[in-house]
């Protein structure tokens, strides 16, 4: 019994000492199944239909369709990359019904 406990402790200490940087529940790569955007490296958990499986997806690039924010943690259209703004309907109705799609624009470039 003591040998089993020692073996178990050694196994756990080795597993703890060298963790995989890619997680099982968080830090997911693009294309992996997700339940919430917080799980994805890109911070976008995307599904194309209400009954479809959600997968991690890249953030929207300039002039791509986007969603400004979601209440549910899963997007139909991913939010914009850093430095871009999603110009969309930002009313509470659009947010609740998940129809607040827009287009990513670079604010700095549009002001010039």
N, C-alpha and C. Protein backbone atom coordinates (compact mmCIF):
# COMPACT_ATOMS: atom_id res chain seq x y z
N UNK A 1 0.82 -1.19 0.00
CA UNK A 1 0.00 0.00 0.00
C UNK A 1 0.86 1.26 0.00
N UNK A 2 1.95 1.24 0.78
CA UNK A 2 2.83 2.40 0.85
C UNK A 2 3.50 2.65 -0.50
N UNK A 3 3.84 1.56 -1.21
CA UNK A 3 4.49 1.71 -2.52
C UNK A 3 3.53 2.35 -3.52
N UNK A 4 2.27 2.00 -3.43
CA UNK A 4 1.28 2.58 -4.34
C UNK A 4 1.13 4.07 -4.07
N UNK A 5 1.08 4.45 -2.81
CA UNK A 5 0.97 5.87 -2.45
C UNK A 5 2.19 6.65 -2.91
N UNK A 6 3.37 6.09 -2.74
CA UNK A 6 4.59 6.76 -3.18
C UNK A 6 4.59 6.91 -4.70
N UNK A 7 4.21 5.85 -5.40
CA UNK A 7 4.14 5.91 -6.86
C UNK A 7 3.12 6.96 -7.32
N UNK A 8 2.00 7.02 -6.65
CA UNK A 8 0.98 8.01 -6.98
C UNK A 8 1.49 9.43 -6.74
N UNK A 9 2.17 9.67 -5.64
CA UNK A 9 2.73 10.98 -5.34
C UNK A 9 3.79 11.40 -6.36
N UNK A 10 4.64 10.46 -6.74
CA UNK A 10 5.69 10.76 -7.73
C UNK A 10 5.04 11.10 -9.07
N UNK A 11 4.03 10.33 -9.46
CA UNK A 11 3.34 10.58 -10.73
C UNK A 11 2.68 11.95 -10.73
N UNK A 12 1.99 12.29 -9.66
CA UNK A 12 1.35 13.59 -9.55
C UNK A 12 2.35 14.74 -9.55
N UNK A 13 3.48 14.56 -8.87
CA UNK A 13 4.48 15.63 -8.83
C UNK A 13 5.11 15.85 -10.20
N UNK A 14 5.34 14.79 -10.99
CA UNK A 14 5.87 14.93 -12.33
C UNK A 14 4.85 15.61 -13.23
N UNK A 15 3.59 15.23 -13.13
CA UNK A 15 2.54 15.83 -13.95
C UNK A 15 2.37 17.31 -13.60
N UNK A 16 2.50 17.65 -12.35
CA UNK A 16 2.36 19.05 -11.92
C UNK A 16 3.57 19.88 -12.33
N UNK A 17 4.76 19.27 -12.33
CA UNK A 17 5.99 20.00 -12.64
C UNK A 17 6.09 20.38 -14.12
N UNK A 18 5.50 19.59 -15.00
CA UNK A 18 5.60 19.85 -16.45
C UNK A 18 4.22 19.95 -17.08
N UNK A 19 3.46 21.00 -16.77
CA UNK A 19 2.12 21.11 -17.35
C UNK A 19 2.18 21.46 -18.84
N UNK A 20 1.19 20.99 -19.57
CA UNK A 20 1.07 21.31 -20.99
C UNK A 20 0.55 22.74 -21.12
N UNK A 21 1.19 23.60 -21.94
CA UNK A 21 0.72 24.98 -22.05
C UNK A 21 -0.67 25.07 -22.67
N UNK A 22 -1.06 24.08 -23.46
CA UNK A 22 -2.40 24.05 -24.04
C UNK A 22 -3.30 23.28 -23.08
N UNK A 23 -4.35 23.91 -22.66
CA UNK A 23 -5.21 23.30 -21.67
C UNK A 23 -6.27 22.39 -22.26
N UNK A 24 -6.97 21.72 -21.40
CA UNK A 24 -8.09 20.87 -21.82
C UNK A 24 -9.37 21.70 -21.79
N UNK A 25 -9.45 22.62 -20.84
CA UNK A 25 -10.66 23.42 -20.66
C UNK A 25 -10.45 24.86 -21.08
N UNK A 26 -9.24 25.39 -20.90
CA UNK A 26 -8.95 26.77 -21.30
C UNK A 26 -7.75 26.79 -22.24
N UNK A 27 -7.50 27.92 -22.86
CA UNK A 27 -6.36 28.10 -23.75
C UNK A 27 -6.49 27.21 -24.99
N UNK A 28 -7.71 27.08 -25.52
CA UNK A 28 -7.97 26.20 -26.65
C UNK A 28 -7.55 26.84 -27.97
N UNK A 29 -7.10 26.01 -28.89
CA UNK A 29 -6.68 26.47 -30.22
C UNK A 29 -7.90 26.65 -31.13
N UNK A 30 -7.70 27.31 -32.27
CA UNK A 30 -8.76 27.49 -33.25
C UNK A 30 -9.23 26.13 -33.75
N UNK A 31 -10.55 25.97 -33.86
CA UNK A 31 -11.13 24.73 -34.35
C UNK A 31 -11.53 23.75 -33.25
N UNK A 32 -11.09 23.98 -32.03
CA UNK A 32 -11.44 23.08 -30.94
C UNK A 32 -12.81 23.46 -30.38
N UNK A 33 -13.55 22.46 -29.90
CA UNK A 33 -14.89 22.68 -29.34
C UNK A 33 -14.80 23.52 -28.07
N UNK A 34 -15.77 24.43 -27.90
CA UNK A 34 -15.78 25.31 -26.73
C UNK A 34 -17.22 25.55 -26.28
N UNK A 35 -17.35 26.02 -25.06
CA UNK A 35 -18.65 26.39 -24.51
C UNK A 35 -18.77 27.89 -24.27
N UNK A 36 -17.60 28.56 -24.17
CA UNK A 36 -17.57 29.99 -23.86
C UNK A 36 -16.31 30.59 -24.46
N UNK A 37 -16.36 31.84 -24.83
CA UNK A 37 -15.22 32.51 -25.45
C UNK A 37 -14.01 32.60 -24.53
N UNK A 38 -14.22 32.59 -23.23
CA UNK A 38 -13.11 32.66 -22.29
C UNK A 38 -12.20 31.45 -22.38
N UNK A 39 -12.68 30.35 -22.95
CA UNK A 39 -11.88 29.15 -23.09
C UNK A 39 -10.87 29.24 -24.23
N UNK A 40 -11.10 30.09 -25.21
CA UNK A 40 -10.31 30.15 -26.43
C UNK A 40 -9.15 31.13 -26.31
N UNK A 41 -8.02 30.79 -26.95
CA UNK A 41 -6.90 31.71 -27.01
C UNK A 41 -7.31 33.01 -27.70
N UNK A 42 -8.12 32.89 -28.75
CA UNK A 42 -8.55 34.06 -29.51
C UNK A 42 -9.67 34.83 -28.82
N UNK A 43 -10.25 34.26 -27.78
CA UNK A 43 -11.39 34.84 -27.05
C UNK A 43 -12.64 34.92 -27.91
N UNK A 44 -12.79 33.97 -28.87
CA UNK A 44 -14.00 33.90 -29.69
C UNK A 44 -14.43 32.46 -29.84
N UNK A 45 -15.53 32.12 -29.19
CA UNK A 45 -16.18 30.83 -29.35
C UNK A 45 -17.35 31.07 -30.31
N UNK A 46 -17.30 30.45 -31.48
CA UNK A 46 -18.18 30.79 -32.60
C UNK A 46 -19.01 29.59 -33.03
N UNK A 47 -20.29 29.83 -33.31
CA UNK A 47 -21.13 28.80 -33.94
C UNK A 47 -21.95 29.44 -35.03
N UNK A 48 -22.25 28.65 -36.08
CA UNK A 48 -22.93 29.22 -37.23
C UNK A 48 -24.44 29.09 -37.16
N UNK A 49 -24.94 28.20 -36.30
CA UNK A 49 -26.38 28.07 -36.12
C UNK A 49 -26.68 27.80 -34.65
N UNK A 50 -27.93 27.95 -34.28
CA UNK A 50 -28.32 27.77 -32.89
C UNK A 50 -28.02 26.36 -32.39
N UNK A 51 -28.19 25.36 -33.24
CA UNK A 51 -27.95 23.98 -32.84
C UNK A 51 -26.57 23.47 -33.21
N UNK A 52 -25.75 24.31 -33.85
CA UNK A 52 -24.41 23.90 -34.26
C UNK A 52 -23.45 23.86 -33.09
N UNK A 53 -22.40 23.04 -33.24
CA UNK A 53 -21.35 22.99 -32.22
C UNK A 53 -20.50 24.24 -32.30
N UNK A 54 -20.15 24.78 -31.17
CA UNK A 54 -19.32 25.99 -31.13
C UNK A 54 -17.85 25.59 -31.11
N UNK A 55 -17.06 26.32 -31.87
CA UNK A 55 -15.62 26.07 -31.95
C UNK A 55 -14.88 27.39 -31.81
N UNK A 56 -13.64 27.31 -31.33
CA UNK A 56 -12.80 28.50 -31.24
C UNK A 56 -12.49 28.98 -32.66
N UNK A 57 -12.54 30.28 -32.87
CA UNK A 57 -12.32 30.87 -34.19
C UNK A 57 -11.47 32.12 -34.04
N UNK A 58 -10.81 32.54 -35.14
CA UNK A 58 -10.01 33.77 -35.07
C UNK A 58 -10.90 35.00 -34.98
N UNK A 59 -10.35 36.07 -34.44
CA UNK A 59 -11.08 37.34 -34.38
C UNK A 59 -11.25 37.90 -35.79
N UNK A 60 -12.26 38.73 -35.96
CA UNK A 60 -12.57 39.29 -37.27
C UNK A 60 -11.52 40.34 -37.68
N UNK A 61 -11.13 40.30 -38.93
CA UNK A 61 -10.15 41.25 -39.46
C UNK A 61 -10.87 42.47 -40.02
N UNK A 62 -10.11 43.44 -40.50
CA UNK A 62 -10.68 44.67 -41.02
C UNK A 62 -11.62 44.37 -42.20
N UNK A 63 -12.76 45.05 -42.23
CA UNK A 63 -13.81 44.91 -43.24
C UNK A 63 -14.53 43.56 -43.21
N UNK A 64 -14.38 42.81 -42.11
CA UNK A 64 -15.10 41.54 -41.93
C UNK A 64 -16.31 41.77 -41.05
N UNK A 65 -17.30 40.87 -41.16
CA UNK A 65 -18.47 40.96 -40.28
C UNK A 65 -18.05 40.65 -38.85
N UNK A 66 -18.73 41.30 -37.90
CA UNK A 66 -18.37 41.15 -36.50
C UNK A 66 -19.58 41.32 -35.60
N UNK A 67 -19.40 40.96 -34.34
CA UNK A 67 -20.36 41.24 -33.28
C UNK A 67 -19.63 42.07 -32.24
N UNK A 68 -20.25 43.14 -31.73
CA UNK A 68 -19.55 43.97 -30.76
C UNK A 68 -19.31 43.27 -29.42
N UNK A 69 -20.29 42.55 -28.91
CA UNK A 69 -20.16 41.85 -27.62
C UNK A 69 -21.34 40.91 -27.50
N UNK A 70 -21.19 39.87 -26.70
CA UNK A 70 -22.29 38.94 -26.50
C UNK A 70 -22.57 38.77 -25.01
N UNK A 71 -23.81 38.55 -24.69
CA UNK A 71 -24.18 38.27 -23.30
C UNK A 71 -23.97 36.80 -22.96
N UNK A 72 -23.91 35.96 -23.97
CA UNK A 72 -23.93 34.51 -23.77
C UNK A 72 -22.56 33.85 -23.79
N UNK A 73 -21.53 34.53 -24.28
CA UNK A 73 -20.19 33.94 -24.34
C UNK A 73 -19.91 33.18 -25.62
N UNK A 74 -20.90 33.09 -26.53
CA UNK A 74 -20.72 32.42 -27.81
C UNK A 74 -21.21 33.36 -28.90
N UNK A 75 -20.44 33.49 -29.97
CA UNK A 75 -20.72 34.44 -31.04
C UNK A 75 -21.22 33.75 -32.31
N UNK A 76 -22.07 34.46 -33.07
CA UNK A 76 -22.35 34.07 -34.45
C UNK A 76 -21.28 34.67 -35.35
N UNK A 77 -20.82 35.85 -35.02
CA UNK A 77 -19.72 36.54 -35.71
C UNK A 77 -18.73 36.95 -34.63
N UNK A 78 -17.45 36.69 -34.83
CA UNK A 78 -16.45 37.01 -33.82
C UNK A 78 -16.23 38.52 -33.71
N UNK A 79 -15.79 38.99 -32.54
CA UNK A 79 -15.47 40.41 -32.40
C UNK A 79 -14.19 40.75 -33.18
N UNK A 80 -13.90 42.02 -33.28
CA UNK A 80 -12.76 42.50 -34.08
C UNK A 80 -11.42 42.25 -33.39
N UNK A 81 -10.39 42.21 -34.23
CA UNK A 81 -9.02 42.14 -33.72
C UNK A 81 -8.70 43.42 -32.96
N UNK A 82 -7.64 43.38 -32.17
CA UNK A 82 -7.21 44.54 -31.39
C UNK A 82 -6.91 45.71 -32.34
N UNK A 83 -7.38 46.89 -31.96
CA UNK A 83 -7.16 48.09 -32.75
C UNK A 83 -8.29 48.40 -33.72
N UNK A 84 -9.22 47.46 -33.88
CA UNK A 84 -10.37 47.66 -34.76
C UNK A 84 -11.63 47.82 -33.93
N UNK A 85 -12.64 48.45 -34.50
CA UNK A 85 -13.92 48.66 -33.84
C UNK A 85 -15.03 48.07 -34.68
N UNK A 86 -15.97 47.43 -34.02
CA UNK A 86 -17.13 46.86 -34.71
C UNK A 86 -18.23 47.91 -34.76
N UNK A 87 -18.49 48.43 -35.96
CA UNK A 87 -19.56 49.41 -36.14
C UNK A 87 -20.85 48.65 -36.40
N UNK A 88 -21.69 48.56 -35.35
CA UNK A 88 -22.90 47.75 -35.42
C UNK A 88 -23.98 48.35 -34.54
N UNK A 89 -25.16 47.74 -34.61
CA UNK A 89 -26.27 48.10 -33.74
C UNK A 89 -25.91 47.68 -32.32
N UNK A 90 -25.71 48.63 -31.43
CA UNK A 90 -25.30 48.30 -30.06
C UNK A 90 -26.44 48.48 -29.07
N UNK A 91 -27.67 48.34 -29.54
CA UNK A 91 -28.81 48.46 -28.64
C UNK A 91 -28.97 47.17 -27.84
N UNK A 92 -29.69 47.24 -26.76
CA UNK A 92 -29.91 46.07 -25.91
C UNK A 92 -30.72 45.01 -26.66
N UNK A 93 -31.62 45.43 -27.54
CA UNK A 93 -32.42 44.48 -28.32
C UNK A 93 -31.53 43.66 -29.23
N UNK A 94 -30.60 44.31 -29.91
CA UNK A 94 -29.68 43.58 -30.78
C UNK A 94 -28.79 42.64 -30.01
N UNK A 95 -28.40 43.04 -28.80
CA UNK A 95 -27.56 42.19 -27.97
C UNK A 95 -28.33 40.97 -27.49
N UNK A 96 -29.56 41.14 -27.04
CA UNK A 96 -30.36 40.02 -26.53
C UNK A 96 -30.71 39.04 -27.64
N UNK A 97 -31.09 39.56 -28.80
CA UNK A 97 -31.50 38.68 -29.91
C UNK A 97 -30.32 38.20 -30.74
N UNK A 98 -29.12 38.66 -30.42
CA UNK A 98 -27.89 38.26 -31.09
C UNK A 98 -27.94 38.58 -32.59
N UNK A 99 -28.47 39.77 -32.92
CA UNK A 99 -28.54 40.22 -34.31
C UNK A 99 -27.78 41.52 -34.51
N UNK A 100 -26.88 41.82 -33.61
CA UNK A 100 -26.16 43.08 -33.66
C UNK A 100 -24.85 42.95 -34.45
N UNK A 101 -24.95 42.48 -35.70
CA UNK A 101 -23.76 42.31 -36.52
C UNK A 101 -23.35 43.63 -37.15
N UNK A 102 -22.07 43.76 -37.41
CA UNK A 102 -21.55 44.95 -38.05
C UNK A 102 -20.32 44.62 -38.86
N UNK A 103 -19.47 45.62 -39.09
CA UNK A 103 -18.24 45.46 -39.87
C UNK A 103 -17.08 46.07 -39.08
N UNK A 104 -15.94 45.41 -39.09
CA UNK A 104 -14.74 45.92 -38.39
C UNK A 104 -14.09 47.03 -39.18
N UNK A 105 -13.81 48.15 -38.49
CA UNK A 105 -13.15 49.29 -39.12
C UNK A 105 -12.03 49.76 -38.22
N UNK A 106 -10.99 50.32 -38.84
CA UNK A 106 -9.88 50.92 -38.12
C UNK A 106 -10.24 52.38 -37.86
N UNK A 107 -10.51 52.73 -36.61
CA UNK A 107 -10.92 54.08 -36.25
C UNK A 107 -9.86 55.11 -36.62
N UNK A 108 -8.59 54.80 -36.38
CA UNK A 108 -7.50 55.73 -36.68
C UNK A 108 -7.42 56.05 -38.16
N UNK A 109 -7.65 55.08 -39.01
CA UNK A 109 -7.56 55.29 -40.45
C UNK A 109 -8.77 56.05 -40.97
N UNK A 110 -9.96 55.79 -40.39
CA UNK A 110 -11.17 56.46 -40.89
C UNK A 110 -11.22 57.94 -40.51
N UNK A 111 -10.49 58.36 -39.47
CA UNK A 111 -10.48 59.77 -39.06
C UNK A 111 -9.60 60.62 -39.97
N UNK A 112 -8.67 60.00 -40.67
CA UNK A 112 -7.73 60.76 -41.50
C UNK A 112 -8.31 61.10 -42.84
